[in-house]
Amino acid sequence: MKPPYELNSQILSFVSSVSEKLGRLDASFLVQSSPTLRKQNRIKTIHSSLQIEGNTLSEEQISAILESKRVIGPSKDIQEVQNAIEVYHSLSEFQFDSLQSYLRANRLLMNGLIEKPGTFREQNVGIVKGSKVEHLAPPAANVRHLMKDLFSYLKKDDEIILIKSCVFHYEMEFIHPFIDGNGRMGRLWQTVILMSKYPIFQHIPFESLISESQEEYYKVLSLCDKTGKSTLFIEYMLRILDAALEKLLGSSVSIQLSQDERLEHFCSIQKSSFSRKDYMLVFNQLSSASASRDLKAGIEIGLFRKTGDKSLSVYDVIR
């Protein structure tokens, strides 16, 4: 069965906004051209996702562990970071719609932290806040069946991947398939699902924005439990993804590329006809004068053909 949720104008608006931002740049090229930024974002991802779960290590300590330096801190926290580094290093190896791949990721993520990592829980669990039971998860006997159904949903092609990733994240948290580590697995697997269509998401630390709005994150999960639908969580997560992409677009990565790299990248995104404004939307940190110099160079080396003049200029990519 398809998990219950409702499409509304806000969800469709966020899908459009996220898609537009992804279309403005082939961000995988831009981020991969900056190893330092890529490393910083990976550290932010690990730090934020584990911080939500109570890990006390700082970004500086995580960076030191990543560089195989000795760090002083709780052994459990260090183990969590080491596991997360291994998992996020292996992101491209996971198959988003494979239950076995998912269990392998959990085995790596929770190695040395729980008994039988990579296996579903065998006991009933609930989430308690204070003296109140916040969430009573489905019985342990139902977990494998529920997770198989959820992965069957992932295999269906009649769903927008942006929405599908949010639905999976919520439904997995509701099922609570593991004795521990469910939150970090939900955030990890949403990344894996998004990467299946948009590889750039392996470089986007949207977990940091979840960490900054942690109270809202849990509140929305709770509200969805009460309504029996993931609609509110889809809205929340799409807003987080939109803000994370906006943050990336506001970085100075595009300026760090050389003129030749910018021209090569722009030709690779297959625009047939464009204006200087279109060019600057892709490289939004570039000044108007630098964009004009790029386009002039593109004409001189035979990449573009120009028609019109000044603000009415139109450029055609020469195939």
Protein backbone atom coordinates (compact mmCIF):
# COMPACT_ATOMS: atom_id res chain seq x y z
CA MET A 1 0.00 0.00 0.00
CA LYS A 2 1.08 3.58 -0.62
CA PRO A 3 1.87 5.36 2.66
CA PRO A 4 -0.83 7.94 3.50
CA TYR A 5 -0.20 11.62 2.81
CA GLU A 6 -1.85 14.48 0.95
CA LEU A 7 -0.40 16.73 -1.71
CA ASN A 8 -1.12 20.41 -1.12
CA SER A 9 -0.09 23.76 -2.59
CA GLN A 10 2.75 24.19 -0.09
CA ILE A 11 4.29 20.82 -0.94
CA LEU A 12 4.00 21.49 -4.68
CA SER A 13 5.52 24.94 -4.20
CA PHE A 14 8.52 23.51 -2.35
CA VAL A 15 8.97 20.76 -4.97
CA SER A 16 9.02 23.46 -7.64
CA SER A 17 11.47 25.61 -5.67
CA VAL A 18 13.85 22.71 -4.94
CA SER A 19 13.70 21.56 -8.57
CA GLU A 20 14.40 25.09 -9.79
CA LYS A 21 17.46 25.37 -7.54
CA LEU A 22 18.75 22.00 -8.75
CA GLY A 23 18.21 23.18 -12.31
CA ARG A 24 20.14 26.40 -11.76
CA LEU A 25 23.33 24.48 -11.37
CA ASP A 26 24.72 21.07 -11.84
CA ALA A 27 25.90 21.46 -8.30
CA SER A 28 27.72 18.15 -8.27
CA PHE A 29 30.27 19.68 -10.64
CA LEU A 30 30.61 22.85 -8.60
CA VAL A 31 31.01 21.12 -5.26
CA GLN A 32 33.29 18.38 -6.54
CA SER A 33 35.59 21.08 -7.85
CA SER A 34 36.16 22.18 -4.24
CA PRO A 35 37.55 19.29 -2.13
CA THR A 36 37.78 21.57 0.91
CA LEU A 37 34.10 22.48 0.75
CA ARG A 38 33.20 18.84 0.15
CA LYS A 39 35.12 17.81 3.27
CA GLN A 40 33.60 20.62 5.36
CA ASN A 41 30.09 19.62 4.32
CA ARG A 42 30.74 15.96 5.17
CA ILE A 43 31.93 16.99 8.65
CA LYS A 44 28.84 19.19 9.10
CA THR A 45 26.59 16.30 8.06
CA ILE A 46 28.14 13.86 10.53
CA HIS A 47 28.31 16.41 13.34
CA SER A 48 24.71 17.54 12.95
CA SER A 49 23.15 14.10 12.55
CA LEU A 50 24.98 12.73 15.59
CA GLN A 51 24.45 15.88 17.65
CA ILE A 52 20.69 15.38 17.30
CA GLU A 53 21.22 12.00 18.98
CA GLY A 54 23.28 13.48 21.83
CA ASN A 55 26.83 13.09 20.53
CA THR A 56 29.10 15.64 22.26
CA LEU A 57 32.04 15.84 19.83
CA SER A 58 32.68 19.12 17.99
CA GLU A 59 33.27 19.63 14.27
CA GLU A 60 36.96 20.15 15.05
CA GLN A 61 37.15 16.79 16.84
CA ILE A 62 35.32 15.05 14.00
CA SER A 63 37.76 16.63 11.55
CA ALA A 64 40.65 15.28 13.64
CA ILE A 65 39.16 11.76 13.63
CA LEU A 66 38.71 12.03 9.87
CA GLU A 67 42.44 12.77 9.66
CA SER A 68 43.25 9.77 11.93
CA LYS A 69 44.38 12.02 14.78
CA ARG A 70 43.92 11.13 18.44
CA VAL A 71 40.87 12.67 20.07
CA ILE A 72 39.91 12.77 23.74
CA GLY A 73 36.23 12.20 24.37
CA PRO A 74 33.62 9.58 25.37
CA SER A 75 34.49 6.29 23.69
CA LYS A 76 30.88 5.81 22.54
CA ASP A 77 30.85 9.24 20.86
CA ILE A 78 34.16 8.52 19.11
CA GLN A 79 32.84 5.14 17.92
CA GLU A 80 29.69 6.82 16.56
CA VAL A 81 31.80 9.28 14.57
CA GLN A 82 34.14 6.59 13.22
CA ASN A 83 31.13 4.54 12.10
CA ALA A 84 29.46 7.56 10.47
CA ILE A 85 32.67 8.45 8.61
CA GLU A 86 32.80 4.93 7.18
CA VAL A 87 29.13 4.96 6.18
CA TYR A 88 29.20 8.38 4.53
CA HIS A 89 32.40 7.45 2.72
CA SER A 90 30.46 4.50 1.24
CA LEU A 91 27.32 6.45 0.26
CA SER A 92 27.61 5.78 -3.46
CA GLU A 93 27.75 2.03 -2.81
CA PHE A 94 24.26 1.83 -1.29
CA GLN A 95 21.23 0.97 -3.44
CA PHE A 96 18.34 3.14 -2.30
CA ASP A 97 15.58 0.58 -2.90
CA SER A 98 17.44 -2.46 -1.53
CA LEU A 99 16.53 -3.70 1.93
CA GLN A 100 19.80 -5.63 2.15
CA SER A 101 21.79 -2.50 1.30
CA TYR A 102 19.86 -0.63 4.00
CA LEU A 103 20.66 -3.29 6.61
CA ARG A 104 24.33 -3.19 5.59
CA ALA A 105 24.34 0.57 6.17
CA ASN A 106 22.88 0.05 9.63
CA ARG A 107 25.49 -2.60 10.39
CA LEU A 108 28.26 -0.12 9.57
CA LEU A 109 26.57 2.79 11.35
CA MET A 110 25.86 0.93 14.59
CA ASN A 111 28.88 -1.38 14.73
CA GLY A 112 30.11 -1.71 18.32
CA LEU A 113 27.21 0.41 19.64
CA ILE A 114 24.41 -2.16 19.89
CA GLU A 115 24.08 -5.93 19.87
CA LYS A 116 23.34 -7.41 16.45
CA PRO A 117 23.78 -4.27 14.30
CA GLY A 118 22.17 -4.61 10.88
CA THR A 119 19.21 -6.62 12.20
CA PHE A 120 15.68 -5.54 13.06
CA ARG A 121 14.65 -5.23 16.70
CA GLU A 122 13.20 -8.27 18.42
CA GLN A 123 11.38 -6.46 21.19
CA ASN A 124 8.60 -3.91 21.44
CA VAL A 125 9.70 -0.30 22.00
CA GLY A 126 8.27 3.11 22.70
CA ILE A 127 9.66 6.63 22.90
CA VAL A 128 9.18 8.18 26.33
CA LYS A 129 9.55 11.89 27.07
CA GLY A 130 9.41 12.62 30.77
CA SER A 131 6.60 10.47 32.14
CA LYS A 132 4.68 10.41 28.85
CA VAL A 133 4.87 7.80 26.09
CA GLU A 134 5.41 9.97 23.01
CA HIS A 135 5.35 7.17 20.44
CA LEU A 136 4.53 3.48 20.66
CA ALA A 137 6.19 1.73 17.73
CA PRO A 138 4.52 -1.20 15.91
CA PRO A 139 5.12 -4.64 17.48
CA ALA A 140 8.51 -6.20 16.75
CA ALA A 141 6.79 -9.11 14.96
CA ASN A 142 5.49 -6.67 12.32
CA VAL A 143 8.73 -4.81 11.62
CA ARG A 144 10.14 -6.96 8.81
CA HIS A 145 6.81 -7.02 6.97
CA LEU A 146 6.37 -3.26 7.33
CA MET A 147 9.89 -2.53 6.11
CA LYS A 148 9.46 -4.83 3.11
CA ASP A 149 6.31 -2.89 2.20
CA LEU A 150 8.18 0.40 2.60
CA PHE A 151 10.94 -0.75 0.25
CA SER A 152 8.32 -1.95 -2.24
CA TYR A 153 7.03 1.63 -2.20
CA LEU A 154 10.55 2.89 -2.98
CA LYS A 155 10.67 0.69 -6.07
CA LYS A 156 7.56 2.31 -7.59
CA ASP A 157 8.32 4.82 -10.36
CA ASP A 158 5.08 6.82 -10.16
CA GLU A 159 6.33 9.08 -7.38
CA ILE A 160 8.44 12.24 -7.27
CA ILE A 161 11.76 11.28 -5.66
CA LEU A 162 11.79 14.43 -3.49
CA ILE A 163 8.46 13.45 -1.94
CA LYS A 164 9.34 9.76 -1.80
CA SER A 165 12.47 10.48 0.27
CA CYS A 166 10.44 12.45 2.83
CA VAL A 167 7.73 9.80 3.05
CA PHE A 168 10.32 7.08 3.65
CA HIS A 169 12.05 9.16 6.33
CA TYR A 170 8.83 9.62 8.28
CA GLU A 171 7.51 6.07 7.83
CA MET A 172 10.84 4.59 8.90
CA GLU A 173 10.84 6.71 12.05
CA PHE A 174 7.27 5.57 12.77
CA ILE A 175 8.14 1.88 12.35
CA HIS A 176 11.30 2.35 14.45
CA PRO A 177 12.86 -0.82 13.02
CA PHE A 178 16.03 -0.86 15.13
CA ILE A 179 16.64 -0.95 18.85
CA ASP A 180 18.71 2.25 18.47
CA GLY A 181 19.99 4.58 15.74
CA ASN A 182 16.66 5.05 13.95
CA GLY A 183 16.97 8.84 13.67
CA ARG A 184 20.40 8.80 12.07
CA MET A 185 19.30 5.96 9.75
CA GLY A 186 16.26 7.96 8.62
CA ARG A 187 18.40 10.98 7.75
CA LEU A 188 21.09 8.82 6.13
CA TRP A 189 18.66 6.90 3.95
CA GLN A 190 16.85 10.03 2.83
CA THR A 191 20.22 11.19 1.50
CA VAL A 192 20.73 7.85 -0.28
CA ILE A 193 17.26 8.07 -1.87
CA LEU A 194 17.84 11.65 -3.06
CA MET A 195 21.27 10.69 -4.45
CA SER A 196 19.63 8.10 -6.71
CA LYS A 197 18.47 10.99 -8.91
CA TYR A 198 20.48 13.97 -7.66
CA PRO A 199 24.07 12.94 -6.75
CA ILE A 200 24.67 16.45 -5.39
CA PHE A 201 22.84 15.51 -2.20
CA GLN A 202 25.85 13.57 -0.97
CA HIS A 203 27.49 17.00 -0.53
CA ILE A 204 24.57 18.88 1.05
CA PRO A 205 24.58 18.90 4.87
CA PHE A 206 20.83 19.37 5.30
CA GLU A 207 21.17 17.61 8.67
CA SER A 208 22.67 20.84 10.03
CA LEU A 209 19.38 22.64 9.35
CA ILE A 210 17.45 19.80 11.03
CA SER A 211 19.77 20.15 14.03
CA GLU A 212 19.07 23.88 14.17
CA SER A 213 15.30 23.21 14.18
CA GLN A 214 15.45 20.04 16.25
CA GLU A 215 12.44 20.88 18.40
CA GLU A 216 10.30 21.42 15.29
CA TYR A 217 11.63 18.18 13.75
CA TYR A 218 10.35 16.10 16.66
CA LYS A 219 7.15 18.11 16.96
CA VAL A 220 6.28 17.48 13.29
CA LEU A 221 7.02 13.76 13.66
CA SER A 222 4.66 13.67 16.65
CA LEU A 223 1.92 15.57 14.81
CA CYS A 224 2.14 13.15 11.89
CA ASP A 225 1.77 10.23 14.32
CA LYS A 226 -1.46 11.81 15.57
CA THR A 227 -2.89 12.51 12.09
CA GLY A 228 -1.75 9.19 10.64
CA LYS A 229 -0.30 10.98 7.59
CA SER A 230 3.18 12.23 6.67
CA THR A 231 1.91 15.44 5.01
CA LEU A 232 3.33 17.85 7.61
CA PHE A 233 6.68 16.07 7.64
CA ILE A 234 6.92 16.29 3.84
CA GLU A 235 6.32 20.04 4.09
CA TYR A 236 8.97 20.37 6.81
CA MET A 237 11.63 18.32 5.03
CA LEU A 238 11.11 19.97 1.65
CA ARG A 239 11.54 23.35 3.35
CA ILE A 240 14.79 22.07 4.89
CA LEU A 241 16.05 20.80 1.51
CA ASP A 242 15.10 24.08 -0.16
CA ALA A 243 16.99 26.09 2.47
CA ALA A 244 20.03 23.79 2.20
CA LEU A 245 20.18 24.27 -1.57
CA GLU A 246 19.77 28.02 -1.17
CA LYS A 247 22.73 27.97 1.20
CA LEU A 248 24.82 26.12 -1.37
CA LEU A 249 23.81 28.53 -4.10
CA GLY A 250 24.96 31.37 -1.88
CA SER A 251 28.45 29.91 -1.52
CA SER A 252 31.39 31.29 -3.45
CA VAL A 253 32.22 28.01 -5.18
CA SER A 254 31.42 29.32 -8.65
CA ILE A 255 33.97 32.11 -8.31
CA GLN A 256 36.66 29.57 -7.44
CA LEU A 257 36.30 27.95 -10.87
CA SER A 258 38.45 29.20 -13.69
CA GLN A 259 36.88 30.79 -16.77
CA ASP A 260 37.57 27.65 -18.81
CA GLU A 261 35.92 25.47 -16.12
CA ARG A 262 32.84 27.70 -16.02
CA LEU A 263 32.47 27.60 -19.81
CA GLU A 264 32.98 23.84 -19.91
CA HIS A 265 30.40 23.31 -17.19
CA PHE A 266 27.84 25.65 -18.74
CA CYS A 267 28.04 23.85 -22.09
CA SER A 268 27.59 20.52 -20.27
CA ILE A 269 24.15 21.46 -18.90
CA GLN A 270 22.75 21.48 -22.45
CA LYS A 271 21.18 24.91 -22.74
CA SER A 272 20.65 25.59 -26.44
CA SER A 273 19.87 29.29 -26.19
CA PHE A 274 20.41 31.62 -23.24
CA SER A 275 20.98 35.19 -22.07
CA ARG A 276 23.70 36.65 -19.86
CA LYS A 277 21.15 36.56 -17.03
CA ASP A 278 20.75 32.79 -17.53
CA TYR A 279 24.53 32.40 -17.35
CA MET A 280 24.65 34.39 -14.10
CA LEU A 281 21.89 32.27 -12.57
CA VAL A 282 24.19 29.27 -12.90
CA PHE A 283 27.19 31.19 -11.51
CA ASN A 284 25.32 33.49 -9.18
CA GLN A 285 28.41 34.80 -7.36
CA LEU A 286 29.88 36.09 -10.62
CA SER A 287 29.88 39.83 -11.35
CA SER A 288 28.18 41.16 -14.47
CA ALA A 289 31.56 42.17 -15.94
CA SER A 290 33.07 38.71 -15.34
CA ALA A 291 30.05 37.05 -16.96
CA SER A 292 30.46 39.30 -20.02
CA ARG A 293 34.15 38.37 -20.27
CA ASP A 294 33.25 34.68 -20.03
CA LEU A 295 30.69 34.97 -22.83
CA LYS A 296 33.05 36.96 -25.02
CA ALA A 297 35.72 34.29 -24.56
CA GLY A 298 33.14 31.60 -25.36
CA ILE A 299 32.37 33.33 -28.66
CA GLU A 300 36.06 33.72 -29.53
CA ILE A 301 36.82 30.02 -29.04
CA GLY A 302 33.68 28.93 -30.93
CA LEU A 303 31.47 27.73 -28.08
CA PHE A 304 28.71 30.33 -28.56
CA ARG A 305 27.13 32.39 -31.30
CA LYS A 306 25.66 35.78 -30.38
CA THR A 307 22.65 37.58 -31.86
CA GLY A 308 21.16 40.89 -30.73
CA ASP A 309 22.85 43.64 -28.75
CA LYS A 310 23.28 44.69 -25.11
CA SER A 311 20.32 43.61 -22.92
CA LEU A 312 18.69 41.92 -25.93
CA SER A 313 21.71 39.69 -26.65
CA VAL A 314 20.95 36.00 -27.07
CA TYR A 315 23.64 33.31 -27.13
CA ASP A 316 23.35 29.96 -28.90
CA VAL A 317 25.51 26.99 -27.95
CA ILE A 318 27.34 25.68 -31.02
CA ARG A 319 27.12 21.89 -31.06
